[in-house]
Protein backbone atom coordinates (compact mmCIF):
# COMPACT_ATOMS: atom_id res chain seq x y z
CA MET A 1 4.85 18.24 8.54
CA ASN A 2 5.50 21.49 7.28
CA ARG A 3 8.60 22.54 9.14
CA ALA A 4 11.44 23.77 6.94
CA PRO A 5 14.08 21.08 5.88
CA THR A 6 17.60 21.55 8.02
CA THR A 7 20.13 21.87 4.50
CA LYS A 8 21.02 25.06 3.45
CA ASN A 9 19.53 24.63 -0.03
CA ASN A 10 15.84 24.79 0.17
CA ARG A 11 14.96 23.96 -3.76
CA MET A 12 12.34 20.82 -4.14
CA PRO A 13 12.84 18.55 -7.25
CA LYS A 14 10.02 18.86 -9.78
CA SER A 15 7.34 15.82 -9.36
CA ALA A 16 8.78 14.66 -6.30
CA THR A 17 6.86 13.33 -3.00
CA THR A 18 8.94 14.62 -0.17
CA VAL A 19 8.53 12.54 3.21
CA LEU A 20 10.05 14.00 5.83
CA LEU A 21 12.09 11.91 8.15
CA PRO A 22 12.99 12.34 12.13
CA TYR A 23 16.41 13.31 12.09
CA THR A 24 19.17 13.97 9.00
CA GLY A 25 21.92 11.73 7.60
CA PRO A 26 23.90 11.09 4.92
CA SER A 27 22.95 11.05 1.30
CA ILE A 28 21.25 7.67 0.66
CA LEU A 29 20.20 6.74 -3.30
CA ALA A 30 17.59 4.30 -3.36
CA CYS A 31 17.21 2.52 -6.74
CA GLY A 32 13.37 0.82 -6.10
CA ALA A 33 12.34 -2.26 -7.34
CA TRP A 34 11.39 -3.59 -11.24
CA LEU A 35 7.53 -3.02 -11.09
CA LYS A 36 6.36 0.61 -10.36
CA ASN A 37 9.62 2.05 -10.12
CA THR A 38 10.65 4.93 -8.39
CA VAL A 39 14.09 6.27 -7.26
CA CYS A 40 14.70 8.05 -3.57
CA VAL A 41 17.42 10.48 -3.02
CA THR A 42 17.49 11.92 1.04
CA ARG A 43 19.07 15.12 1.73
CA GLY A 44 19.10 15.96 5.13
CA ASP A 45 16.36 15.06 6.77
CA GLU A 46 14.09 14.80 3.52
CA ALA A 47 13.51 11.78 1.52
CA HIS A 48 12.82 13.17 -1.99
CA VAL A 49 11.05 9.82 -3.80
CA SER A 50 10.61 10.88 -7.96
CA GLN A 51 7.52 10.59 -10.12
CA LEU A 52 6.66 7.03 -11.24
CA ILE A 53 9.07 5.90 -13.99
CA GLY A 54 7.31 2.47 -14.14
CA ASP A 55 8.30 -1.21 -15.19
CA LEU A 56 11.96 -1.89 -16.18
CA ASP A 57 11.20 -4.41 -18.91
CA ILE A 58 11.43 -1.65 -21.41
CA ALA A 59 14.52 0.91 -22.20
CA GLU A 60 12.42 3.98 -22.12
CA ALA A 61 11.84 2.93 -18.21
CA ARG A 62 15.42 2.51 -17.88
CA GLN A 63 16.70 5.13 -19.47
CA MET A 64 14.00 7.48 -17.43
CA LEU A 65 15.67 6.24 -14.39
CA ASP A 66 18.80 6.96 -15.21
CA ASP A 67 18.07 10.42 -16.39
CA THR A 68 15.93 10.61 -12.91
CA VAL A 69 19.21 10.09 -10.43
CA GLU A 70 20.99 12.25 -12.24
CA ARG A 71 18.34 14.98 -12.45
CA LEU A 72 17.24 14.43 -8.28
CA CYS A 73 20.50 14.70 -7.53
CA ASN A 74 21.54 17.77 -9.16
CA GLU A 75 18.01 19.37 -8.27
CA LEU A 76 18.63 19.08 -4.99
CA ASN A 77 22.53 19.15 -5.17
CA VAL A 78 23.54 16.42 -3.34
CA GLN A 79 26.20 13.95 -3.97
CA PRO A 80 24.78 10.66 -2.62
CA GLU A 81 26.96 8.65 0.21
CA ILE A 82 25.24 5.18 -0.13
CA VAL A 83 23.61 3.47 -2.53
CA ALA A 84 20.74 0.89 -1.36
CA HIS A 85 19.16 -1.44 -3.94
CA ASP A 86 16.60 -4.80 -3.95
CA LEU A 87 18.20 -8.39 -3.68
CA HIS A 88 17.24 -9.50 -6.92
CA PRO A 89 20.12 -9.43 -8.80
CA ASP A 90 18.80 -9.57 -11.96
CA PHE A 91 16.76 -6.47 -11.83
CA TYR A 92 17.99 -3.50 -13.95
CA SER A 93 17.73 -1.11 -11.20
CA THR A 94 19.95 -3.51 -8.80
CA GLN A 95 22.60 -3.16 -11.95
CA PHE A 96 22.27 0.75 -11.92
CA ALA A 97 23.16 0.68 -8.16
CA GLN A 98 25.99 -1.86 -8.25
CA ASN A 99 27.19 0.11 -11.52
CA TYR A 100 26.63 3.41 -10.14
CA ALA A 101 28.38 2.67 -6.65
CA ALA A 102 31.23 1.24 -8.13
CA GLN A 103 31.95 4.20 -10.55
CA HIS A 104 31.59 6.83 -7.40
CA SER A 105 33.66 4.32 -4.91
CA LEU A 106 30.14 4.29 -2.63
CA PRO A 107 29.21 1.18 -0.16
CA LEU A 108 25.82 -0.64 -0.92
CA VAL A 109 23.48 -1.74 0.71
CA ALA A 110 21.02 -4.50 -0.36
CA VAL A 111 17.56 -4.62 0.77
CA GLN A 112 14.98 -7.28 1.17
CA HIS A 113 11.66 -6.55 -1.04
CA HIS A 114 9.18 -6.76 1.72
CA HIS A 115 11.38 -5.35 4.38
CA ALA A 116 11.19 -2.08 2.35
CA HIS A 117 7.59 -2.30 1.80
CA ILE A 118 7.31 -2.28 5.33
CA ALA A 119 10.26 0.00 5.85
CA ALA A 120 8.45 2.79 4.04
CA LEU A 121 5.91 3.01 6.08
CA CYS A 122 8.20 3.02 8.89
CA ALA A 123 9.92 6.06 7.41
CA GLU A 124 6.47 7.85 7.14
CA HIS A 125 5.41 7.25 10.27
CA HIS A 126 8.83 8.03 12.27
CA ILE A 127 9.04 4.33 13.88
CA ALA A 128 12.77 3.59 14.58
CA GLY A 129 12.00 0.73 16.83
CA SER A 130 10.25 -2.89 16.85
CA ILE A 131 7.11 -3.17 14.78
CA LEU A 132 4.96 -5.92 13.01
CA GLY A 133 4.73 -5.85 9.27
CA LEU A 134 2.03 -7.56 7.37
CA ALA A 135 3.50 -7.33 3.60
CA LEU A 136 1.00 -8.91 0.90
CA ASP A 137 1.60 -8.55 -2.61
CA GLY A 138 2.91 -10.20 -6.03
CA VAL A 139 6.11 -11.37 -5.35
CA GLY A 140 9.59 -10.48 -4.40
CA LEU A 141 12.82 -12.20 -3.87
CA GLY A 142 13.20 -13.62 -0.66
CA SER A 143 16.26 -13.99 1.60
CA ASP A 144 16.33 -17.45 0.92
CA ASN A 145 15.76 -17.10 -2.96
CA ALA A 146 12.13 -18.03 -3.05
CA PRO A 147 9.47 -16.22 -4.52
CA TRP A 148 7.52 -14.32 -1.39
CA GLY A 149 4.70 -12.27 -1.14
CA GLY A 150 2.62 -13.06 1.95
CA GLU A 151 5.09 -12.30 4.98
CA LEU A 152 4.84 -11.50 8.73
CA LEU A 153 7.94 -9.58 9.92
CA ARG A 154 9.16 -8.12 12.71
CA VAL A 155 11.15 -5.30 11.30
CA GLU A 156 13.23 -3.27 13.79
CA GLY A 157 15.51 -0.57 11.91
CA ALA A 158 17.80 -2.20 9.58
CA SER A 159 17.08 -5.50 9.96
CA PHE A 160 14.03 -7.70 10.19
CA GLU A 161 12.94 -11.42 11.04
CA ARG A 162 10.34 -13.35 8.88
CA LEU A 163 8.01 -14.62 11.66
CA GLY A 164 5.46 -16.20 9.26
CA HIS A 165 4.56 -16.68 5.88
CA LEU A 166 1.28 -17.60 3.73
CA ALA A 167 1.60 -21.68 3.09
CA PRO A 168 3.36 -21.97 -0.40
CA LEU A 169 1.39 -22.63 -3.15
CA ARG A 170 2.97 -23.80 -6.68
CA MET A 171 3.39 -21.87 -9.67
CA PRO A 172 2.97 -23.56 -12.68
CA GLY A 173 5.26 -22.75 -15.22
CA GLY A 174 6.82 -20.08 -13.29
CA ASP A 175 6.22 -16.33 -14.11
CA ARG A 176 3.42 -17.48 -16.84
CA ALA A 177 1.31 -18.64 -13.27
CA ALA A 178 1.12 -14.83 -12.38
CA ARG A 179 -0.50 -14.17 -15.78
CA GLU A 180 -2.85 -16.96 -15.99
CA PRO A 181 -4.59 -17.64 -13.03
CA TRP A 182 -6.16 -20.58 -14.17
CA ARG A 183 -2.57 -22.13 -13.67
CA MET A 184 -2.82 -20.92 -9.62
CA ALA A 185 -6.25 -22.81 -9.89
CA ALA A 186 -4.71 -26.22 -11.24
CA ALA A 187 -2.00 -25.74 -8.49
CA VAL A 188 -4.88 -25.45 -5.80
CA LEU A 189 -6.69 -28.80 -7.54
CA PHE A 190 -3.70 -31.11 -7.29
CA GLN A 191 -2.68 -30.00 -3.70
CA LEU A 192 -6.38 -30.92 -2.94
CA GLY A 193 -5.63 -34.16 -4.38
CA ARG A 194 -7.92 -33.20 -7.58
CA GLY A 195 -5.47 -33.20 -10.28
CA GLU A 196 -7.62 -35.07 -11.97
CA GLU A 197 -9.93 -32.50 -12.62
CA ILE A 198 -7.58 -29.90 -13.65
CA ALA A 199 -8.27 -30.65 -17.68
CA GLN A 200 -12.18 -30.72 -17.58
CA ARG A 201 -12.18 -27.90 -15.04
CA PHE A 202 -10.42 -25.61 -18.08
CA PRO A 203 -11.43 -27.00 -21.38
CA ASN A 204 -10.88 -23.50 -22.88
CA GLN A 205 -6.90 -23.90 -22.07
CA PRO A 206 -5.07 -26.24 -24.21
CA GLY A 207 -2.25 -26.64 -21.98
CA ALA A 208 -4.56 -27.92 -19.37
CA GLN A 209 -3.31 -31.06 -19.31
CA THR A 210 -0.09 -30.63 -19.38
CA VAL A 211 -0.42 -28.51 -16.60
CA ALA A 212 -1.67 -31.22 -14.66
CA GLU A 213 1.45 -33.79 -15.71
CA MET A 214 3.77 -30.73 -14.78
CA LEU A 215 2.36 -30.64 -11.06
CA LYS A 216 2.26 -34.39 -10.80
CA ARG A 217 6.12 -34.36 -11.77
CA ASN A 218 6.66 -31.24 -9.96
CA LEU A 219 8.64 -29.97 -13.23
CA ASN A 220 8.92 -25.78 -13.40
CA CYS A 221 6.44 -25.25 -10.63
CA PRO A 222 8.46 -23.08 -8.10
CA ALA A 223 6.36 -22.66 -4.61
CA THR A 224 5.21 -19.15 -3.21
CA SER A 225 3.63 -17.25 -0.52
CA SER A 226 2.70 -14.79 -2.34
CA THR A 227 -1.13 -13.04 -1.07
CA GLY A 228 -1.45 -12.05 -5.28
CA ARG A 229 -1.33 -15.75 -6.38
CA LEU A 230 -3.77 -16.77 -3.57
CA PHE A 231 -5.90 -13.95 -5.16
CA ASP A 232 -5.37 -15.45 -8.90
CA ALA A 233 -6.09 -19.01 -7.75
CA VAL A 234 -9.23 -18.49 -6.11
CA ALA A 235 -10.21 -16.14 -9.20
CA GLY A 236 -9.23 -18.94 -11.21
CA LEU A 237 -11.37 -21.47 -9.45
CA LEU A 238 -14.62 -19.20 -9.38
CA GLY A 239 -14.20 -18.61 -13.24
CA VAL A 240 -13.81 -14.90 -12.58
CA ASN A 241 -10.56 -14.74 -14.69
CA GLU A 242 -8.76 -17.47 -16.38
CA ILE A 243 -5.94 -15.47 -18.05
CA GLN A 244 -5.22 -11.74 -17.15
CA ALA A 245 -5.65 -8.85 -19.76
CA PHE A 246 -3.38 -6.30 -17.26
CA GLU A 247 -1.42 -7.04 -13.99
CA ALA A 248 -4.02 -7.52 -11.06
CA GLN A 249 -7.14 -7.82 -13.28
CA ALA A 250 -8.05 -11.12 -11.36
CA ALA A 251 -7.76 -9.39 -7.94
CA ILE A 252 -9.54 -6.03 -9.17
CA GLN A 253 -12.28 -8.42 -10.49
CA LEU A 254 -12.79 -10.49 -7.39
CA GLN A 255 -13.20 -7.63 -5.37
CA GLU A 256 -16.09 -6.53 -7.59
CA ALA A 257 -17.19 -9.61 -7.49
CA ALA A 258 -17.08 -9.49 -3.43
CA GLN A 259 -18.60 -5.84 -3.44
CA ARG A 260 -21.47 -7.31 -5.62
CA HIS A 261 -22.33 -9.47 -2.87
CA GLY A 262 -21.91 -7.73 0.11
CA GLN A 263 -20.49 -8.75 3.97
CA VAL A 264 -20.57 -12.19 4.89
CA ALA A 265 -19.10 -14.06 7.72
CA PRO A 266 -16.16 -15.62 6.92
CA LEU A 267 -15.78 -19.85 7.26
CA ASP A 268 -15.28 -21.44 10.14
CA GLU A 269 -12.20 -23.39 10.37
CA GLY A 270 -11.37 -22.00 6.75
CA TYR A 271 -7.80 -21.67 7.42
CA ARG A 272 -5.00 -23.19 9.95
CA ILE A 273 -2.05 -21.79 11.94
CA SER A 274 0.79 -24.20 12.05
CA GLU A 275 3.58 -23.70 14.99
CA ASN A 276 6.05 -22.49 12.99
CA GLY A 277 3.92 -19.61 11.73
CA VAL A 278 2.32 -20.61 8.52
CA LEU A 279 -1.14 -19.47 7.88
CA ASP A 280 -2.68 -22.34 5.25
CA PHE A 281 -6.19 -21.22 3.55
CA LEU A 282 -6.28 -24.67 1.85
CA PRO A 283 -9.63 -25.42 3.99
CA LEU A 284 -10.91 -22.28 2.18
CA LEU A 285 -9.84 -23.30 -1.06
CA ALA A 286 -11.43 -26.40 -0.84
CA VAL A 287 -14.68 -24.93 -0.45
CA LEU A 288 -14.60 -22.46 -2.98
CA ALA A 289 -13.53 -25.30 -5.21
CA ASP A 290 -16.86 -26.37 -5.11
CA CYS A 291 -18.80 -22.89 -5.39
CA PRO A 292 -21.48 -23.16 -8.26
CA ARG A 293 -20.06 -20.95 -11.41
CA VAL A 294 -22.45 -18.93 -11.67
CA ASN A 295 -23.12 -14.93 -10.72
CA ASN A 296 -24.61 -15.54 -7.52
CA GLY A 297 -22.26 -18.06 -6.51
CA VAL A 298 -19.25 -16.49 -7.94
CA ASP A 299 -20.21 -13.51 -5.68
CA GLN A 300 -20.71 -15.46 -2.71
CA GLY A 301 -17.69 -17.34 -3.15
CA ALA A 302 -15.49 -13.84 -3.81
CA ALA A 303 -17.25 -12.46 -0.60
CA LEU A 304 -16.25 -15.26 1.55
CA PHE A 305 -12.70 -15.23 -0.02
CA HIS A 306 -12.58 -11.67 1.18
CA ALA A 307 -13.88 -12.29 4.90
CA THR A 308 -12.01 -15.58 5.60
CA LEU A 309 -8.40 -14.10 4.58
CA ALA A 310 -9.32 -10.73 6.69
CA ALA A 311 -10.28 -13.15 9.91
CA GLY A 312 -7.34 -15.69 9.20
CA LEU A 313 -4.33 -12.69 8.74
CA SER A 314 -6.18 -10.85 11.92
CA GLU A 315 -5.74 -13.65 13.95
CA TRP A 316 -2.39 -14.42 12.92
CA VAL A 317 -1.03 -10.75 13.39
CA GLY A 318 -2.77 -10.61 16.61
CA ARG A 319 -1.10 -14.15 17.78
CA ALA A 320 2.33 -12.49 16.56
CA ALA A 321 1.60 -9.11 18.86
CA ARG A 322 0.92 -10.98 21.87
CA GLN A 323 3.86 -13.02 21.66
CA HIS A 324 6.45 -10.49 20.57
CA ASN A 325 4.56 -7.64 23.07
CA ILE A 326 4.04 -5.27 20.02
CA ALA A 327 1.65 -2.27 19.47
CA HIS A 328 2.23 -1.37 16.42
CA VAL A 329 1.16 -3.50 12.83
CA ALA A 330 2.08 -1.51 9.42
CA LEU A 331 0.28 -2.77 6.40
CA GLY A 332 2.12 -2.99 3.14
CA GLY A 333 2.25 -4.33 -0.53
CA GLY A 334 0.20 -4.00 -3.56
CA CYS A 335 -2.70 -6.22 -2.03
CA PHE A 336 -3.30 -3.23 0.13
CA HIS A 337 -5.06 -1.56 -2.71
CA ASN A 338 -8.10 -3.77 -2.31
CA ASP A 339 -10.41 -1.88 -0.12
CA ILE A 340 -12.34 -4.52 1.31
CA LEU A 341 -9.20 -6.26 2.78
CA LEU A 342 -7.63 -2.99 3.91
CA ARG A 343 -10.99 -2.15 5.78
CA SER A 344 -11.78 -5.54 6.96
CA LEU A 345 -8.43 -6.31 8.23
CA SER A 346 -7.79 -2.44 9.58
CA ASP A 347 -10.86 -3.45 11.93
CA GLY A 348 -10.45 -6.38 13.05
CA LEU A 349 -6.43 -5.52 14.24
CA ALA A 350 -7.57 -2.50 16.01
CA GLY A 351 -10.35 -4.45 17.45
CA GLN A 352 -7.39 -6.42 19.26
CA GLY A 353 -5.85 -3.41 20.21
CA GLN A 354 -2.97 -2.96 17.87
CA ARG A 355 -2.39 0.35 16.40
CA VAL A 356 -2.62 -0.15 12.43
CA LEU A 357 0.33 2.03 10.18
CA THR A 358 -1.05 2.89 6.72
CA ALA A 359 0.55 4.56 3.73
CA GLN A 360 -0.26 8.11 3.64
CA GLN A 361 1.97 9.88 1.35
CA MET A 362 3.11 6.83 -0.56
CA GLN A 363 1.09 3.95 -2.31
CA PRO A 364 1.11 0.63 -0.62
CA ASN A 365 2.31 -0.87 -3.62
CA ASP A 366 5.92 -0.77 -5.45
CA SER A 367 6.64 3.11 -5.93
CA ALA A 368 7.12 2.74 -2.13
CA ILE A 369 10.35 0.18 -2.25
CA SER A 370 12.77 3.00 -2.82
CA LEU A 371 11.50 5.05 0.46
CA GLY A 372 11.70 1.50 2.58
CA GLN A 373 15.40 1.14 0.84
CA ALA A 374 16.13 4.42 1.82
CA TRP A 375 15.11 4.18 5.09
CA VAL A 376 16.75 0.70 6.06
CA ALA A 377 20.43 2.38 4.62
CA LEU A 378 19.82 5.01 6.94
CA GLN A 379 18.87 3.00 9.79
CA SER A 380 22.06 1.23 9.11
CA ILE A 381 24.22 4.10 10.05
CA ASN A 382 22.45 5.02 12.27
CA LYS A 383 22.87 1.67 14.30
CA GLY A 384 26.26 0.81 12.87
CA VAL A 385 25.26 -2.19 10.84
C-alpha cells in the first residue's frame, strides 16, 4: 500500500484519504451522498476522498462541497473526465454533479446508493469480480424509487443485482418516522394486527391515535426495507427511545442495552426467508413487543434482537453464497458501526466459509459513498458500459 503513484505530479491533497486502486484510469469526480458527504477525485491509480463535508441540508456544507471539488482538482492538478453521483435527483450533490458535467461537457454516471456502499469496499480490497454485498443503513433511494436500506446484492463492477431485501416496514409520516422511533414501533404493532394498542402504548405521544389512523388507511406511510428503521422499531417497542435527539441515537442506545445484558442465543424461528429472498423478522418483533419494559427485560430484549438479527442475516447471506457460488461477502452501510452486529455477523459468515470484507481505510457509513461512486464509474469505463 506504500507504492508510489503512477502520475507525474506526486502532491497529495491536504486532509484527504488516499485509496490506491489496482489500475489507472481517467480522472473521475464523484460527488457523494446527502448525509456525511465527501467527494472523491481520482488521479491515475489513486482515489482521493475529501475530508468529511457533512450533511448537505445547510448552506455552509453546500458551499464547502463546491470549494472542496475545486481545491482537490487544483491540488491534484487534474481535470475530471467523468462525473458520478447518487440516484436521488433532489440531493444537492446530484444537482452539483449535473451542473458541473454540463459546464464541462462531461459524461455522467448515476450510482445507486447501496451499490456504492459495496463498491467502496471493492475499491479498498481491489475486487473487480463478482461479490456478495450486504448493505445495511438508514435509507437510500433504490432503483425502483423506493427507500432501501436492508439489501443483499450481487455486485460485479459497474453492475449489481438485488438478490433480496429486508421485509418492508411502513414509515408513518415518512421521514418523520426516522426521527421518532415510536412511529416505527406503531407500524410493527399494526402489522402484527395490534393497531388498537398504539395509543395506549405511547400515551406521551399526542399523535399516536392519528398515526394509528394513518396506518389503517395507509396514508403517508411509505414502505422501506431499511435496517435503520428496523432498529428504530425495536427501540420504540422496548421503550429504549421514542424520539431521537440525534441521528442513530435509538440504535446506539439499543446496542448499549444489549451490551449490558451480554450474549444470548438467537430466538428459534425468529425470522423467515422467502423464496424470493425477503428476510422477515416479524416473528422476533412479535416477541419483543411483549418484553417487560423494565431494565432487565429491555436489556434482554435488546440482546435477543441483536443475536437473532445476526443469525438471520448470516443464514440469508449463506444461502445466497451457496446458490451463486460466491465466497466473498462485503459488509457496508452505517449499521456496521454497531460492534455487536459486525462481530457476530462476521463470525457467523466466516464459520460458513465466506471471506468477509469490511471497511479498512474508510468508514462503513455514507462518507464512503463517493469512493464507491468513483469505483463504479471507473468500472463502467473498463467494461465499456
